[in-house]
Amino acid sequence: MKRIIAIYGSPRRAGNTAALLKEAVRGAREAGVQVDELLLRDLKMSPCLEIYGCLKTGRCVMQDDFQKVYDMLSDCSGLMLASPIFFYAVSAHTKILMDRCQSFWVKKYWIDKKGPDESTAKRPGLFIAVGATKGKKLFEGSLLSLRYFFDVVDIRLWKTLLYRGLDFEGDIFKHPEYLQEAYEAGGAMVEFIAKEESHG
């Protein structure tokens, strides 16, 4: 069964990124796909301790909620990730998730010995980010980290929705066109997955 994971990386439950991701989730569900939602702030997930317990199997040995996330990332048909921008980077909750995926990196490049140009990622990834300022380079740092993160979990960066000038909770509702874009992206992701899977 096709399944998408939607990961909320904001420390706010009802913030602007959460509202956008909810619309993307709604669009995907209305297109007929199951979407599992993860709120990172609710998970008990330690930062990576760099103990390299993952060297044996490529799986992190730390027993916390990341074990569940690991399986979901491995099995999903697509990934939606939303994070506010803090100091020109993703939130701390999101960065912890990225760092724990070092175990995927170990498996891919050390255990399976794949080369850096051997990516066969077909599963689509949607990144939603919101920043308070209007800086020209506001999203550059987070996008660089995101591309490497998506690479190690075999996700291709399919689409980004990046919005500036949104700070306080509820600011997003002054821009219904942004919410509509997120909703349409959710439906479009389902279409993309169906086309990729039909091509084998």
N, C-alpha and C. Protein backbone atom coordinates (compact mmCIF):
# COMPACT_ATOMS: atom_id res chain seq x y z
N MET A 1 0.85 -1.20 0.00
CA MET A 1 0.00 0.00 0.00
C MET A 1 0.88 1.25 0.00
N LYS A 2 0.53 2.20 -0.86
CA LYS A 2 1.27 3.45 -0.88
C LYS A 2 1.01 4.22 0.42
N ARG A 3 2.09 4.78 0.98
CA ARG A 3 1.97 5.49 2.24
C ARG A 3 2.96 6.64 2.25
N ILE A 4 2.50 7.79 2.68
CA ILE A 4 3.35 8.97 2.79
C ILE A 4 3.55 9.29 4.26
N ILE A 5 4.74 9.73 4.61
CA ILE A 5 5.00 10.23 5.96
C ILE A 5 5.03 11.75 5.92
N ALA A 6 4.35 12.36 6.87
CA ALA A 6 4.36 13.81 7.02
C ALA A 6 5.01 14.13 8.37
N ILE A 7 6.13 14.82 8.34
CA ILE A 7 6.90 15.09 9.56
C ILE A 7 6.82 16.58 9.90
N TYR A 8 6.31 16.83 11.08
CA TYR A 8 6.18 18.20 11.58
C TYR A 8 7.42 18.53 12.41
N GLY A 9 8.21 19.49 11.95
CA GLY A 9 9.45 19.81 12.63
C GLY A 9 9.41 21.07 13.47
N SER A 10 8.23 21.64 13.65
CA SER A 10 8.13 22.88 14.41
C SER A 10 7.92 22.61 15.90
N PRO A 11 8.46 23.46 16.76
CA PRO A 11 8.14 23.34 18.18
C PRO A 11 6.72 23.79 18.51
N ARG A 12 6.06 24.45 17.58
CA ARG A 12 4.67 24.89 17.79
C ARG A 12 3.71 23.91 17.13
N ARG A 13 2.69 23.54 17.88
CA ARG A 13 1.70 22.60 17.34
C ARG A 13 0.84 23.24 16.26
N ALA A 14 0.56 24.52 16.42
CA ALA A 14 -0.36 25.19 15.50
C ALA A 14 0.31 26.36 14.79
N GLY A 15 1.58 26.20 14.49
CA GLY A 15 2.31 27.26 13.81
C GLY A 15 2.05 27.30 12.32
N ASN A 16 2.80 28.14 11.65
CA ASN A 16 2.58 28.34 10.22
C ASN A 16 3.00 27.13 9.39
N THR A 17 4.14 26.50 9.74
CA THR A 17 4.54 25.31 8.98
C THR A 17 3.56 24.17 9.21
N ALA A 18 3.05 24.06 10.43
CA ALA A 18 2.08 23.00 10.73
C ALA A 18 0.82 23.18 9.90
N ALA A 19 0.36 24.41 9.78
CA ALA A 19 -0.86 24.68 8.99
C ALA A 19 -0.63 24.32 7.52
N LEU A 20 0.54 24.65 7.00
CA LEU A 20 0.85 24.32 5.61
C LEU A 20 0.94 22.81 5.40
N LEU A 21 1.60 22.14 6.32
CA LEU A 21 1.73 20.69 6.17
C LEU A 21 0.38 20.00 6.29
N LYS A 22 -0.46 20.49 7.16
CA LYS A 22 -1.81 19.90 7.29
C LYS A 22 -2.56 19.98 5.97
N GLU A 23 -2.38 21.08 5.24
CA GLU A 23 -3.04 21.20 3.94
C GLU A 23 -2.45 20.22 2.93
N ALA A 24 -1.14 20.05 2.96
CA ALA A 24 -0.52 19.07 2.05
C ALA A 24 -1.01 17.66 2.38
N VAL A 25 -1.13 17.37 3.66
CA VAL A 25 -1.63 16.07 4.09
C VAL A 25 -3.07 15.88 3.62
N ARG A 26 -3.87 16.92 3.76
CA ARG A 26 -5.26 16.83 3.32
C ARG A 26 -5.35 16.57 1.82
N GLY A 27 -4.50 17.25 1.06
CA GLY A 27 -4.49 17.04 -0.38
C GLY A 27 -4.12 15.62 -0.76
N ALA A 28 -3.14 15.06 -0.06
CA ALA A 28 -2.72 13.69 -0.35
C ALA A 28 -3.80 12.69 0.05
N ARG A 29 -4.41 12.90 1.19
CA ARG A 29 -5.46 11.97 1.64
C ARG A 29 -6.67 12.01 0.71
N GLU A 30 -7.02 13.19 0.27
CA GLU A 30 -8.16 13.29 -0.64
C GLU A 30 -7.85 12.69 -2.01
N ALA A 31 -6.55 12.55 -2.30
CA ALA A 31 -6.14 11.88 -3.54
C ALA A 31 -6.06 10.37 -3.35
N GLY A 32 -6.35 9.91 -2.14
CA GLY A 32 -6.50 8.47 -1.93
C GLY A 32 -5.34 7.73 -1.31
N VAL A 33 -4.43 8.43 -0.66
CA VAL A 33 -3.26 7.77 -0.08
C VAL A 33 -3.27 7.91 1.45
N GLN A 34 -2.78 6.87 2.11
CA GLN A 34 -2.64 6.94 3.56
C GLN A 34 -1.46 7.83 3.91
N VAL A 35 -1.66 8.72 4.88
CA VAL A 35 -0.58 9.60 5.36
C VAL A 35 -0.42 9.40 6.85
N ASP A 36 0.80 9.05 7.27
CA ASP A 36 1.13 8.93 8.69
C ASP A 36 1.82 10.20 9.13
N GLU A 37 1.31 10.82 10.18
CA GLU A 37 1.85 12.09 10.66
C GLU A 37 2.74 11.87 11.88
N LEU A 38 3.88 12.55 11.88
CA LEU A 38 4.82 12.49 13.01
C LEU A 38 5.10 13.91 13.50
N LEU A 39 4.85 14.16 14.77
CA LEU A 39 5.20 15.43 15.38
C LEU A 39 6.50 15.22 16.14
N LEU A 40 7.58 15.77 15.64
CA LEU A 40 8.89 15.51 16.23
C LEU A 40 8.95 15.96 17.69
N ARG A 41 8.25 17.04 18.02
CA ARG A 41 8.31 17.54 19.39
C ARG A 41 7.71 16.55 20.39
N ASP A 42 6.88 15.64 19.92
CA ASP A 42 6.26 14.66 20.80
C ASP A 42 7.07 13.37 20.93
N LEU A 43 8.13 13.23 20.15
CA LEU A 43 8.92 12.00 20.18
C LEU A 43 10.06 12.11 21.19
N LYS A 44 10.37 11.00 21.80
CA LYS A 44 11.53 10.91 22.67
C LYS A 44 12.70 10.42 21.82
N MET A 45 13.50 11.38 21.37
CA MET A 45 14.54 11.06 20.39
C MET A 45 15.80 11.84 20.74
N SER A 46 16.82 11.12 21.16
CA SER A 46 18.10 11.74 21.52
C SER A 46 18.82 12.23 20.28
N PRO A 47 19.63 13.25 20.41
CA PRO A 47 20.55 13.57 19.31
C PRO A 47 21.50 12.39 19.07
N CYS A 48 22.11 12.36 17.90
CA CYS A 48 23.11 11.34 17.60
C CYS A 48 24.27 11.49 18.59
N LEU A 49 24.70 10.39 19.19
CA LEU A 49 25.82 10.40 20.13
C LEU A 49 27.12 9.95 19.48
N GLU A 50 27.08 9.65 18.21
CA GLU A 50 28.26 9.29 17.41
C GLU A 50 29.05 8.15 18.06
N ILE A 51 28.32 7.12 18.49
CA ILE A 51 28.99 5.96 19.08
C ILE A 51 29.24 4.87 18.04
N TYR A 52 28.71 5.06 16.84
CA TYR A 52 28.90 4.16 15.70
C TYR A 52 28.47 2.72 16.00
N GLY A 53 27.42 2.59 16.79
CA GLY A 53 26.81 1.27 16.96
C GLY A 53 26.16 0.79 15.68
N CYS A 54 25.92 1.72 14.75
CA CYS A 54 25.28 1.38 13.48
C CYS A 54 26.24 0.72 12.49
N LEU A 55 27.52 0.61 12.85
CA LEU A 55 28.50 0.05 11.91
C LEU A 55 28.23 -1.41 11.58
N LYS A 56 27.59 -2.15 12.47
CA LYS A 56 27.36 -3.58 12.22
C LYS A 56 26.25 -3.82 11.20
N THR A 57 25.13 -3.14 11.36
CA THR A 57 23.96 -3.43 10.52
C THR A 57 23.44 -2.22 9.75
N GLY A 58 23.93 -1.03 10.08
CA GLY A 58 23.38 0.17 9.46
C GLY A 58 22.16 0.67 10.17
N ARG A 59 21.86 0.12 11.31
CA ARG A 59 20.71 0.57 12.10
C ARG A 59 21.21 1.16 13.42
N CYS A 60 20.63 2.26 13.82
CA CYS A 60 21.00 2.90 15.07
C CYS A 60 20.70 1.96 16.24
N VAL A 61 21.62 1.90 17.20
CA VAL A 61 21.44 1.00 18.34
C VAL A 61 20.76 1.69 19.53
N MET A 62 20.57 2.99 19.44
CA MET A 62 19.94 3.71 20.55
C MET A 62 18.44 3.42 20.55
N GLN A 63 17.95 2.95 21.65
CA GLN A 63 16.56 2.51 21.73
C GLN A 63 15.65 3.64 22.21
N ASP A 64 15.15 4.38 21.25
CA ASP A 64 14.16 5.42 21.55
C ASP A 64 13.21 5.49 20.36
N ASP A 65 12.47 6.57 20.24
CA ASP A 65 11.44 6.65 19.21
C ASP A 65 12.00 6.69 17.79
N PHE A 66 13.28 6.90 17.64
CA PHE A 66 13.85 6.90 16.29
C PHE A 66 13.72 5.53 15.63
N GLN A 67 13.67 4.47 16.41
CA GLN A 67 13.53 3.14 15.82
C GLN A 67 12.27 3.04 14.96
N LYS A 68 11.18 3.61 15.46
CA LYS A 68 9.93 3.64 14.70
C LYS A 68 10.08 4.51 13.45
N VAL A 69 10.72 5.66 13.62
CA VAL A 69 10.90 6.58 12.50
C VAL A 69 11.78 5.94 11.43
N TYR A 70 12.80 5.21 11.83
CA TYR A 70 13.70 4.52 10.90
C TYR A 70 12.90 3.60 9.98
N ASP A 71 12.02 2.81 10.57
CA ASP A 71 11.21 1.89 9.78
C ASP A 71 10.27 2.63 8.84
N MET A 72 9.69 3.70 9.32
CA MET A 72 8.76 4.47 8.49
C MET A 72 9.49 5.12 7.32
N LEU A 73 10.68 5.65 7.56
CA LEU A 73 11.46 6.24 6.48
C LEU A 73 11.88 5.20 5.45
N SER A 74 12.15 4.00 5.92
CA SER A 74 12.58 2.93 5.01
C SER A 74 11.45 2.46 4.10
N ASP A 75 10.23 2.48 4.62
CA ASP A 75 9.11 1.84 3.92
C ASP A 75 8.17 2.80 3.19
N CYS A 76 8.28 4.09 3.39
CA CYS A 76 7.29 5.02 2.84
C CYS A 76 7.43 5.16 1.33
N SER A 77 6.36 5.64 0.70
CA SER A 77 6.36 5.92 -0.74
C SER A 77 6.72 7.36 -1.04
N GLY A 78 6.65 8.21 -0.03
CA GLY A 78 6.97 9.61 -0.18
C GLY A 78 7.09 10.27 1.18
N LEU A 79 7.76 11.42 1.22
CA LEU A 79 8.02 12.09 2.49
C LEU A 79 7.69 13.58 2.38
N MET A 80 6.94 14.07 3.35
CA MET A 80 6.70 15.50 3.50
C MET A 80 7.38 15.95 4.79
N LEU A 81 8.15 17.01 4.72
CA LEU A 81 8.85 17.53 5.89
C LEU A 81 8.64 19.03 5.97
N ALA A 82 8.23 19.50 7.14
CA ALA A 82 8.00 20.93 7.33
C ALA A 82 8.79 21.42 8.54
N SER A 83 9.48 22.54 8.37
CA SER A 83 10.25 23.12 9.47
C SER A 83 10.27 24.64 9.36
N PRO A 84 10.16 25.32 10.48
CA PRO A 84 10.46 26.76 10.47
C PRO A 84 11.96 26.96 10.32
N ILE A 85 12.35 28.15 9.95
CA ILE A 85 13.76 28.48 9.81
C ILE A 85 14.21 29.25 11.04
N PHE A 86 15.20 28.69 11.73
CA PHE A 86 15.80 29.34 12.89
C PHE A 86 17.28 29.58 12.57
N PHE A 87 17.72 30.85 12.62
CA PHE A 87 19.11 31.17 12.32
C PHE A 87 19.56 30.56 11.00
N TYR A 88 18.70 30.67 9.99
CA TYR A 88 18.99 30.24 8.63
C TYR A 88 19.21 28.73 8.53
N ALA A 89 18.60 27.98 9.44
CA ALA A 89 18.70 26.52 9.42
C ALA A 89 17.36 25.94 9.87
N VAL A 90 17.23 24.62 9.77
CA VAL A 90 16.01 23.97 10.23
C VAL A 90 15.96 24.00 11.75
N SER A 91 14.80 23.68 12.29
CA SER A 91 14.61 23.66 13.74
C SER A 91 15.48 22.59 14.39
N ALA A 92 15.69 22.72 15.69
CA ALA A 92 16.48 21.72 16.43
C ALA A 92 15.84 20.35 16.35
N HIS A 93 14.50 20.29 16.42
CA HIS A 93 13.81 19.01 16.34
C HIS A 93 14.11 18.32 15.00
N THR A 94 14.07 19.10 13.94
CA THR A 94 14.33 18.56 12.60
C THR A 94 15.78 18.13 12.46
N LYS A 95 16.69 18.92 13.01
CA LYS A 95 18.12 18.60 12.89
C LYS A 95 18.47 17.32 13.66
N ILE A 96 17.81 17.10 14.79
CA ILE A 96 18.04 15.84 15.52
C ILE A 96 17.66 14.65 14.64
N LEU A 97 16.52 14.76 13.97
CA LEU A 97 16.11 13.68 13.07
C LEU A 97 17.16 13.47 11.99
N MET A 98 17.61 14.54 11.36
CA MET A 98 18.61 14.42 10.30
C MET A 98 19.88 13.75 10.83
N ASP A 99 20.33 14.17 12.00
CA ASP A 99 21.57 13.62 12.55
C ASP A 99 21.44 12.14 12.89
N ARG A 100 20.27 11.74 13.37
CA ARG A 100 20.08 10.32 13.69
C ARG A 100 20.08 9.46 12.43
N CYS A 101 19.84 10.07 11.29
CA CYS A 101 19.87 9.33 10.04
C CYS A 101 21.29 9.09 9.54
N GLN A 102 22.28 9.42 10.38
CA GLN A 102 23.65 9.01 10.09
C GLN A 102 23.73 7.50 9.91
N SER A 103 22.84 6.78 10.59
CA SER A 103 22.82 5.32 10.46
C SER A 103 22.48 4.91 9.02
N PHE A 104 21.58 5.65 8.36
CA PHE A 104 21.30 5.38 6.95
C PHE A 104 22.55 5.62 6.11
N TRP A 105 23.28 6.69 6.43
CA TRP A 105 24.50 7.03 5.69
C TRP A 105 25.52 5.90 5.83
N VAL A 106 25.69 5.42 7.06
CA VAL A 106 26.63 4.33 7.30
C VAL A 106 26.26 3.10 6.48
N LYS A 107 24.97 2.78 6.49
CA LYS A 107 24.54 1.60 5.73
C LYS A 107 24.77 1.78 4.24
N LYS A 108 24.42 2.94 3.72
CA LYS A 108 24.48 3.17 2.28
C LYS A 108 25.92 3.23 1.77
N TYR A 109 26.76 3.99 2.47
CA TYR A 109 28.09 4.27 1.93
C TYR A 109 29.21 3.42 2.52
N TRP A 110 29.03 2.92 3.73
CA TRP A 110 30.09 2.10 4.33
C TRP A 110 29.77 0.60 4.23
N ILE A 111 28.53 0.22 4.56
CA ILE A 111 28.19 -1.20 4.54
C ILE A 111 27.88 -1.67 3.12
N ASP A 112 26.97 -0.97 2.43
CA ASP A 112 26.61 -1.35 1.06
C ASP A 112 27.61 -0.84 0.03
N LYS A 113 28.48 0.09 0.45
CA LYS A 113 29.57 0.62 -0.38
C LYS A 113 29.09 1.23 -1.70
N LYS A 114 28.02 1.98 -1.61
CA LYS A 114 27.56 2.69 -2.81
C LYS A 114 28.40 3.94 -3.02
N GLY A 115 28.57 4.31 -4.28
CA GLY A 115 29.29 5.52 -4.61
C GLY A 115 28.39 6.74 -4.52
N PRO A 116 28.98 7.92 -4.43
CA PRO A 116 28.17 9.14 -4.29
C PRO A 116 27.29 9.43 -5.50
N ASP A 117 27.59 8.82 -6.63
CA ASP A 117 26.80 9.08 -7.84
C ASP A 117 25.87 7.92 -8.19
N GLU A 118 25.62 7.05 -7.23
CA GLU A 118 24.81 5.87 -7.50
C GLU A 118 23.39 5.99 -6.96
N SER A 119 22.93 7.19 -6.76
CA SER A 119 21.59 7.38 -6.20
C SER A 119 20.53 6.90 -7.18
N THR A 120 19.61 6.11 -6.66
CA THR A 120 18.49 5.63 -7.47
C THR A 120 17.17 6.07 -6.84
N ALA A 121 17.24 7.14 -6.06
CA ALA A 121 16.06 7.59 -5.32
C ALA A 121 14.94 7.99 -6.27
N LYS A 122 13.79 7.37 -6.10
CA LYS A 122 12.62 7.70 -6.90
C LYS A 122 11.49 8.25 -6.04
N ARG A 123 11.56 7.96 -4.74
CA ARG A 123 10.48 8.42 -3.86
C ARG A 123 10.55 9.94 -3.70
N PRO A 124 9.41 10.63 -3.84
CA PRO A 124 9.43 12.08 -3.79
C PRO A 124 9.46 12.64 -2.38
N GLY A 125 10.15 13.76 -2.24
CA GLY A 125 10.18 14.48 -0.98
C GLY A 125 9.70 15.91 -1.17
N LEU A 126 8.82 16.33 -0.30
CA LEU A 126 8.31 17.70 -0.28
C LEU A 126 8.87 18.39 0.95
N PHE A 127 9.47 19.56 0.77
CA PHE A 127 9.99 20.34 1.89
C PHE A 127 9.22 21.65 1.99
N ILE A 128 8.67 21.90 3.17
CA ILE A 128 7.94 23.13 3.45
C ILE A 128 8.70 23.89 4.52
N ALA A 129 9.03 25.15 4.26
CA ALA A 129 9.77 25.94 5.24
C ALA A 129 9.21 27.35 5.29
N VAL A 130 9.22 27.90 6.48
CA VAL A 130 8.70 29.25 6.71
C VAL A 130 9.73 30.04 7.52
N GLY A 131 10.02 31.24 7.07
CA GLY A 131 10.94 32.11 7.80
C GLY A 131 10.33 33.46 8.07
N ALA A 132 10.78 34.10 9.14
CA ALA A 132 10.21 35.38 9.54
C ALA A 132 10.74 36.54 8.71
N THR A 133 12.02 36.47 8.34
CA THR A 133 12.62 37.58 7.61
C THR A 133 12.41 37.40 6.11
N LYS A 134 12.92 38.35 5.36
CA LYS A 134 12.82 38.27 3.91
C LYS A 134 14.20 38.19 3.26
N GLY A 135 15.16 37.68 4.03
CA GLY A 135 16.53 37.60 3.55
C GLY A 135 16.67 36.78 2.28
N LYS A 136 17.54 37.23 1.41
CA LYS A 136 17.74 36.59 0.11
C LYS A 136 18.23 35.15 0.27
N LYS A 137 19.06 34.89 1.27
CA LYS A 137 19.65 33.57 1.46
C LYS A 137 18.99 32.79 2.60
N LEU A 138 17.77 33.17 2.92
CA LEU A 138 17.08 32.62 4.09
C LEU A 138 17.04 31.09 4.10
N PHE A 139 16.86 30.48 2.95
CA PHE A 139 16.65 29.02 2.91
C PHE A 139 17.87 28.24 2.45
N GLU A 140 18.96 28.92 2.12
CA GLU A 140 20.10 28.23 1.52
C GLU A 140 20.71 27.18 2.44
N GLY A 141 20.90 27.52 3.72
CA GLY A 141 21.50 26.58 4.65
C GLY A 141 20.65 25.34 4.86
N SER A 142 19.35 25.55 5.05
CA SER A 142 18.46 24.41 5.29
C SER A 142 18.34 23.53 4.05
N LEU A 143 18.32 24.13 2.87
CA LEU A 143 18.20 23.34 1.64
C LEU A 143 19.44 22.48 1.41
N LEU A 144 20.61 23.00 1.77
CA LEU A 144 21.83 22.22 1.61
C LEU A 144 21.79 20.99 2.53
N SER A 145 21.43 21.20 3.79
CA SER A 145 21.31 20.07 4.72
C SER A 145 20.25 19.09 4.25
N LEU A 146 19.15 19.63 3.77
CA LEU A 146 18.03 18.79 3.35
C LEU A 146 18.42 17.87 2.20
N ARG A 147 19.15 18.39 1.24
CA ARG A 147 19.53 17.58 0.09
C ARG A 147 20.37 16.37 0.52
N TYR A 148 21.28 16.59 1.45
CA TYR A 148 22.10 15.47 1.94
C TYR A 148 21.26 14.51 2.76
N PHE A 149 20.36 15.03 3.57
CA PHE A 149 19.47 14.18 4.35
C PHE A 149 18.61 13.31 3.44
N PHE A 150 17.97 13.93 2.45
CA PHE A 150 17.14 13.17 1.52
C PHE A 150 17.96 12.11 0.79
N ASP A 151 19.20 12.45 0.44
CA ASP A 151 20.04 11.49 -0.27
C ASP A 151 20.24 10.21 0.53
N VAL A 152 20.54 10.33 1.82
CA VAL A 152 20.86 9.13 2.58
C VAL A 152 19.64 8.26 2.85
N VAL A 153 18.44 8.84 2.81
CA VAL A 153 17.23 8.03 3.00
C VAL A 153 16.56 7.68 1.67
N ASP A 154 17.29 7.91 0.57
CA ASP A 154 16.82 7.58 -0.78
C ASP A 154 15.51 8.27 -1.14
N ILE A 155 15.47 9.55 -0.85
CA ILE A 155 14.36 10.41 -1.25
C ILE A 155 14.90 11.46 -2.20
N ARG A 156 14.17 11.76 -3.26
CA ARG A 156 14.57 12.84 -4.16
C ARG A 156 13.81 14.11 -3.80
N LEU A 157 14.48 15.24 -3.82
CA LEU A 157 13.82 16.51 -3.52
C LEU A 157 12.92 16.85 -4.70
N TRP A 158 11.65 16.57 -4.53
CA TRP A 158 10.68 16.70 -5.60
C TRP A 158 10.11 18.11 -5.69
N LYS A 159 9.84 18.73 -4.54
CA LYS A 159 9.24 20.06 -4.55
C LYS A 159 9.54 20.78 -3.24
N THR A 160 9.70 22.10 -3.32
CA THR A 160 9.86 22.92 -2.13
C THR A 160 8.79 24.00 -2.11
N LEU A 161 8.29 24.30 -0.93
CA LEU A 161 7.40 25.42 -0.69
C LEU A 161 8.06 26.27 0.39
N LEU A 162 8.59 27.42 -0.01
CA LEU A 162 9.40 28.26 0.88
C LEU A 162 8.76 29.64 0.98
N TYR A 163 8.44 30.04 2.21
CA TYR A 163 7.69 31.28 2.40
C TYR A 163 8.39 32.19 3.39
N ARG A 164 8.55 33.44 3.00
CA ARG A 164 9.20 34.45 3.83
C ARG A 164 8.17 35.36 4.51
N GLY A 165 8.65 36.08 5.51
CA GLY A 165 7.83 37.12 6.13
C GLY A 165 6.70 36.62 6.99
N LEU A 166 6.81 35.39 7.50
CA LEU A 166 5.79 34.82 8.36
C LEU A 166 6.43 34.49 9.71
N ASP A 167 5.98 35.14 10.76
CA ASP A 167 6.63 34.98 12.06
C ASP A 167 5.67 34.46 13.12
N PHE A 168 4.62 35.22 13.38
CA PHE A 168 3.74 34.88 14.49
C PHE A 168 2.70 33.84 14.08
N GLU A 169 2.31 33.04 15.06
CA GLU A 169 1.32 32.00 14.84
C GLU A 169 0.06 32.60 14.20
N GLY A 170 -0.37 32.02 13.11
CA GLY A 170 -1.56 32.50 12.41
C GLY A 170 -1.28 33.40 11.23
N ASP A 171 -0.02 33.84 11.08
CA ASP A 171 0.31 34.71 9.94
C ASP A 171 0.00 34.04 8.60
N ILE A 172 0.09 32.73 8.56
CA ILE A 172 -0.14 32.01 7.30
C ILE A 172 -1.55 32.21 6.77
N PHE A 173 -2.50 32.45 7.67
CA PHE A 173 -3.90 32.57 7.24
C PHE A 173 -4.18 33.90 6.54
N LYS A 174 -3.19 34.78 6.55
CA LYS A 174 -3.29 36.01 5.74
C LYS A 174 -2.94 35.72 4.29
N HIS A 175 -2.49 34.51 4.03
CA HIS A 175 -2.06 34.12 2.68
C HIS A 175 -2.72 32.81 2.28
N PRO A 176 -4.01 32.84 2.00
CA PRO A 176 -4.69 31.59 1.62
C PRO A 176 -4.11 30.94 0.37
N GLU A 177 -3.43 31.72 -0.45
CA GLU A 177 -2.84 31.16 -1.66
C GLU A 177 -1.69 30.20 -1.30
N TYR A 178 -1.00 30.47 -0.20
CA TYR A 178 0.06 29.56 0.24
C TYR A 178 -0.54 28.23 0.68
N LEU A 179 -1.61 28.31 1.42
CA LEU A 179 -2.29 27.09 1.88
C LEU A 179 -2.82 26.28 0.70
N GLN A 180 -3.31 26.98 -0.31
CA GLN A 180 -3.80 26.29 -1.50
C GLN A 180 -2.66 25.60 -2.23
N GLU A 181 -1.50 26.26 -2.30
CA GLU A 181 -0.33 25.64 -2.93
C GLU A 181 0.07 24.35 -2.21
N ALA A 182 0.01 24.38 -0.88
CA ALA A 182 0.36 23.19 -0.11
C ALA A 182 -0.64 22.07 -0.36
N TYR A 183 -1.91 22.40 -0.39
CA TYR A 183 -2.95 21.40 -0.66
C TYR A 183 -2.73 20.77 -2.03
N GLU A 184 -2.47 21.59 -3.02
CA GLU A 184 -2.26 21.08 -4.38
C GLU A 184 -0.99 20.23 -4.46
N ALA A 185 0.02 20.60 -3.70
CA ALA A 185 1.26 19.82 -3.70
C ALA A 185 1.01 18.42 -3.14
N GLY A 186 0.16 18.32 -2.12
CA GLY A 186 -0.17 17.00 -1.58
C GLY A 186 -0.80 16.09 -2.61
N GLY A 187 -1.76 16.62 -3.36
CA GLY A 187 -2.39 15.83 -4.41
C GLY A 187 -1.43 15.49 -5.53
N ALA A 188 -0.58 16.46 -5.89
CA ALA A 188 0.38 16.24 -6.97
C ALA A 188 1.42 15.18 -6.59
N MET A 189 1.76 15.12 -5.31
CA MET A 189 2.71 14.09 -4.88
C MET A 189 2.13 12.70 -5.09
N VAL A 190 0.87 12.54 -4.79
CA VAL A 190 0.21 11.24 -4.99
C VAL A 190 0.23 10.87 -6.47
N GLU A 191 -0.04 11.82 -7.34
CA GLU A 191 0.01 11.57 -8.78
C GLU A 191 1.41 11.16 -9.21
N PHE A 192 2.41 11.85 -8.67
CA PHE A 192 3.79 11.54 -9.02
C PHE A 192 4.15 10.12 -8.60
N ILE A 193 3.77 9.74 -7.38
CA ILE A 193 4.05 8.39 -6.88
C ILE A 193 3.41 7.34 -7.77
N ALA A 194 2.16 7.58 -8.16
CA ALA A 194 1.43 6.62 -9.00
C ALA A 194 2.14 6.46 -10.34
N LYS A 195 2.61 7.55 -10.94
CA LYS A 195 3.30 7.47 -12.22
C LYS A 195 4.62 6.74 -12.10
N GLU A 196 5.36 7.03 -11.02
CA GLU A 196 6.66 6.37 -10.84
C GLU A 196 6.46 4.86 -10.65
N GLU A 197 5.46 4.49 -9.88
CA GLU A 197 5.24 3.06 -9.61
C GLU A 197 4.70 2.33 -10.85
N SER A 198 3.97 3.04 -11.70
CA SER A 198 3.47 2.41 -12.92
C SER A 198 4.58 2.14 -13.92
N HIS A 199 5.68 2.93 -13.80
CA HIS A 199 6.82 2.73 -14.70
C HIS A 199 7.79 1.69 -14.17
N GLY A 200 7.43 1.11 -13.03
CA GLY A 200 8.22 0.01 -12.50
C GLY A 200 9.40 0.42 -11.67
